[in-house]
Every structure is written in C-alpha cells, then in structure tokens.
C-alpha atoms as a PDB file:
ATOM      1  CA  MET A   1      26.262 -39.429 -31.439  1.00  0.00           C
ATOM      2  CA  ALA A   2      26.405 -36.906 -28.620  1.00  0.00           C
ATOM      3  CA  GLU A   3      24.300 -34.372 -31.003  1.00  0.00           C
ATOM      4  CA  GLU A   4      21.654 -37.103 -31.748  1.00  0.00           C
ATOM      5  CA  ALA A   5      21.208 -37.098 -27.883  1.00  0.00           C
ATOM      6  CA  LYS A   6      20.539 -33.423 -27.774  1.00  0.00           C
ATOM      7  CA  GLU A   7      18.304 -33.352 -30.326  1.00  0.00           C
ATOM      8  CA  ALA A   8      16.338 -36.652 -29.022  1.00  0.00           C
ATOM      9  CA  LYS A   9      15.356 -34.462 -25.773  1.00  0.00           C
ATOM     10  CA  SER A  10      11.563 -33.099 -25.774  1.00  0.00           C
ATOM     11  CA  PRO A  11      11.010 -29.518 -26.362  1.00  0.00           C
ATOM     12  CA  SER A  12      10.156 -28.936 -22.964  1.00  0.00           C
ATOM     13  CA  GLU A  13      13.245 -30.169 -22.189  1.00  0.00           C
ATOM     14  CA  LYS A  14      15.091 -27.832 -24.384  1.00  0.00           C
ATOM     15  CA  TYR A  15      13.905 -24.704 -22.647  1.00  0.00           C
ATOM     16  CA  ASP A  16      13.607 -26.111 -18.674  1.00  0.00           C
ATOM     17  CA  THR A  17      16.968 -26.513 -17.752  1.00  0.00           C
ATOM     18  CA  PRO A  18      19.935 -24.001 -18.867  1.00  0.00           C
ATOM     19  CA  THR A  19      22.714 -25.308 -20.832  1.00  0.00           C
ATOM     20  CA  GLU A  20      26.519 -24.814 -19.958  1.00  0.00           C
ATOM     21  CA  GLY A  21      27.430 -21.273 -19.870  1.00  0.00           C
ATOM     22  CA  GLU A  22      23.786 -20.159 -19.660  1.00  0.00           C
ATOM     23  CA  SER A  23      22.624 -18.839 -16.453  1.00  0.00           C
ATOM     24  CA  LEU A  24      18.698 -18.494 -15.357  1.00  0.00           C
ATOM     25  CA  LEU A  25      18.748 -14.697 -15.760  1.00  0.00           C
ATOM     26  CA  SER A  26      19.323 -15.136 -19.420  1.00  0.00           C
ATOM     27  CA  ASN A  27      16.035 -16.995 -19.923  1.00  0.00           C
ATOM     28  CA  PRO A  28      13.303 -15.082 -21.314  1.00  0.00           C
ATOM     29  CA  ASN A  29      11.022 -16.604 -18.617  1.00  0.00           C
ATOM     30  CA  SER A  30      13.106 -15.032 -16.075  1.00  0.00           C
ATOM     31  CA  ASP A  31      13.171 -11.331 -17.612  1.00  0.00           C
ATOM     32  CA  ALA A  32       9.667 -11.553 -17.621  1.00  0.00           C
ATOM     33  CA  GLN A  33       9.476 -12.261 -14.198  1.00  0.00           C
ATOM     34  CA  GLY A  34      11.658  -9.550 -13.317  1.00  0.00           C
ATOM     35  CA  GLN A  35       9.713  -7.270 -14.861  1.00  0.00           C
ATOM     36  CA  LEU A  36       6.342  -8.471 -13.386  1.00  0.00           C
ATOM     37  CA  ALA A  37       8.248  -8.029  -9.831  1.00  0.00           C
ATOM     38  CA  ALA A  38       9.231  -4.741 -10.731  1.00  0.00           C
ATOM     39  CA  ALA A  39       5.921  -3.816 -11.548  1.00  0.00           C
ATOM     40  CA  VAL A  40       4.312  -5.298  -8.466  1.00  0.00           C
ATOM     41  CA  ASP A  41       7.069  -3.796  -6.318  1.00  0.00           C
ATOM     42  CA  ASP A  42       5.792  -0.186  -7.934  1.00  0.00           C
ATOM     43  CA  LEU A  43       2.209  -0.973  -7.485  1.00  0.00           C
ATOM     44  CA  LEU A  44       3.180  -1.913  -4.039  1.00  0.00           C
ATOM     45  CA  ASN A  45       5.032   1.473  -2.997  1.00  0.00           C
ATOM     46  CA  GLN A  46       1.930   3.358  -5.014  1.00  0.00           C
ATOM     47  CA  LEU A  47      -0.703   1.741  -2.553  1.00  0.00           C
ATOM     48  CA  GLN A  48       1.415   2.713   0.758  1.00  0.00           C
ATOM     49  CA  SER A  49       1.976   6.311  -0.384  1.00  0.00           C
ATOM     50  CA  LYS A  50      -1.586   6.625  -0.645  1.00  0.00           C
ATOM     51  CA  PHE A  51      -2.354   4.929   2.137  1.00  0.00           C
ATOM     52  CA  ASP A  52       0.116   7.074   4.361  1.00  0.00           C
ATOM     53  CA  ASN A  53      -1.953  10.105   2.540  1.00  0.00           C
ATOM     54  CA  VAL A  54      -5.399   8.665   3.611  1.00  0.00           C
ATOM     55  CA  SER A  55      -4.300   8.352   7.310  1.00  0.00           C
ATOM     56  CA  LYS A  56      -2.610  11.820   7.383  1.00  0.00           C
ATOM     57  CA  GLU A  57      -5.716  13.309   6.198  1.00  0.00           C
ATOM     58  CA  MET A  58      -8.041  10.664   8.208  1.00  0.00           C
ATOM     59  CA  PHE A  59      -6.167  11.893  11.375  1.00  0.00           C
ATOM     60  CA  GLY A  60      -5.659  15.604  10.412  1.00  0.00           C
ATOM     61  CA  LYS A  61      -9.577  15.454  10.450  1.00  0.00           C
ATOM     62  CA  LEU A  62      -9.687  13.890  13.638  1.00  0.00           C
ATOM     63  CA  ASP A  63      -8.001  16.131  15.289  1.00  0.00           C
ATOM     64  CA  ASP A  64     -10.035  19.078  13.892  1.00  0.00           C
ATOM     65  CA  MET A  65     -13.209  17.323  14.690  1.00  0.00           C
ATOM     66  CA  THR A  66     -11.691  16.831  18.802  1.00  0.00           C
ATOM     67  CA  ARG A  67     -10.893  20.616  18.717  1.00  0.00           C
ATOM     68  CA  ARG A  68     -14.123  21.948  17.184  1.00  0.00           C
ATOM     69  CA  LEU A  69     -16.394  19.197  19.845  1.00  0.00           C
ATOM     70  CA  ASP A  70     -14.020  20.352  22.668  1.00  0.00           C
ATOM     71  CA  GLU A  71     -14.813  24.240  21.580  1.00  0.00           C
ATOM     72  CA  LEU A  72     -18.807  23.406  21.644  1.00  0.00           C
ATOM     73  CA  GLU A  73     -18.570  21.550  24.687  1.00  0.00           C
ATOM     74  CA  ALA A  74     -16.751  24.802  26.459  1.00  0.00           C
ATOM     75  CA  SER A  75     -19.438  26.951  24.650  1.00  0.00           C
ATOM     76  CA  LEU A  76     -22.379  24.798  26.121  1.00  0.00           C
ATOM     77  CA  THR A  77     -20.773  24.991  29.684  1.00  0.00           C
ATOM     78  CA  ALA A  78     -20.523  28.703  29.347  1.00  0.00           C
ATOM     79  CA  ASN A  79     -24.094  29.191  28.023  1.00  0.00           C
ATOM     80  CA  SER A  80     -25.274  26.730  30.744  1.00  0.00           C
ATOM     81  CA  ASN A  81     -23.415  28.894  33.216  1.00  0.00           C
ATOM     82  CA  ASP A  82     -24.939  32.157  32.023  1.00  0.00           C
ATOM     83  CA  SER A  83     -28.491  31.116  32.152  1.00  0.00           C
ATOM     84  CA  ALA A  84     -28.417  29.593  35.223  1.00  0.00           C
ATOM     85  CA  SER A  85     -26.977  33.187  36.796  1.00  0.00           C
ATOM     86  CA  ALA A  86     -29.403  35.160  34.566  1.00  0.00           C
ATOM     87  CA  THR A  87     -32.597  33.392  35.868  1.00  0.00           C
ATOM     88  CA  PRO A  88     -34.050  34.872  38.290  1.00  0.00           C
ATOM     89  CA  THR A  89     -35.081  32.978  41.623  1.00  0.00           C
ATOM     90  CA  LYS A  90     -38.699  33.131  43.220  1.00  0.00           C
END
C-alpha cells in the first residue's frame, strides 16, 4: 500500500523534494546551479581584473598629462619672462 502512495504522486512532486538519504546537492539542478554560480564568479573576477587594469592605465595617463601640463606652464612662464625682459622700453 505504501508503494501505491508513492506512485500516486505527480511527476513534479517526485523531483521537487529529495527522498530519504538524498541531499539537495545530489539533485542535477543543484549541480547546474553550482556550475552557473562558478561561471558567474569567474566572469566577475575577470571583469574586476579588467576594471583594475583600466583604472591603473587611466591614472597613469592622468599623471602623465598633469606632468606635461606643469612643464608647459613652466615653459610658458619662462618664455613670458624672457620676452618681457628682452623687449626694449621706450
């Protein structure tokens, strides 16, 4: 009679709940979910790495631009002082 009660379950009931001795990890859906979670984690790690590299490149270029602007400003100031002292006064 207990066997008849087990067979009377609908197909979805057979797979939704684990039977005695069966864990959720042995369920094929759990394996697929674990693989998906691992793939998502890997993708997030790759994106984080790429973001870090782009950030480093941007800060490096900004530092270089700052240095070049400082040099240009110093050059313009020096040229301005040279031309002011070289201009004859009337």
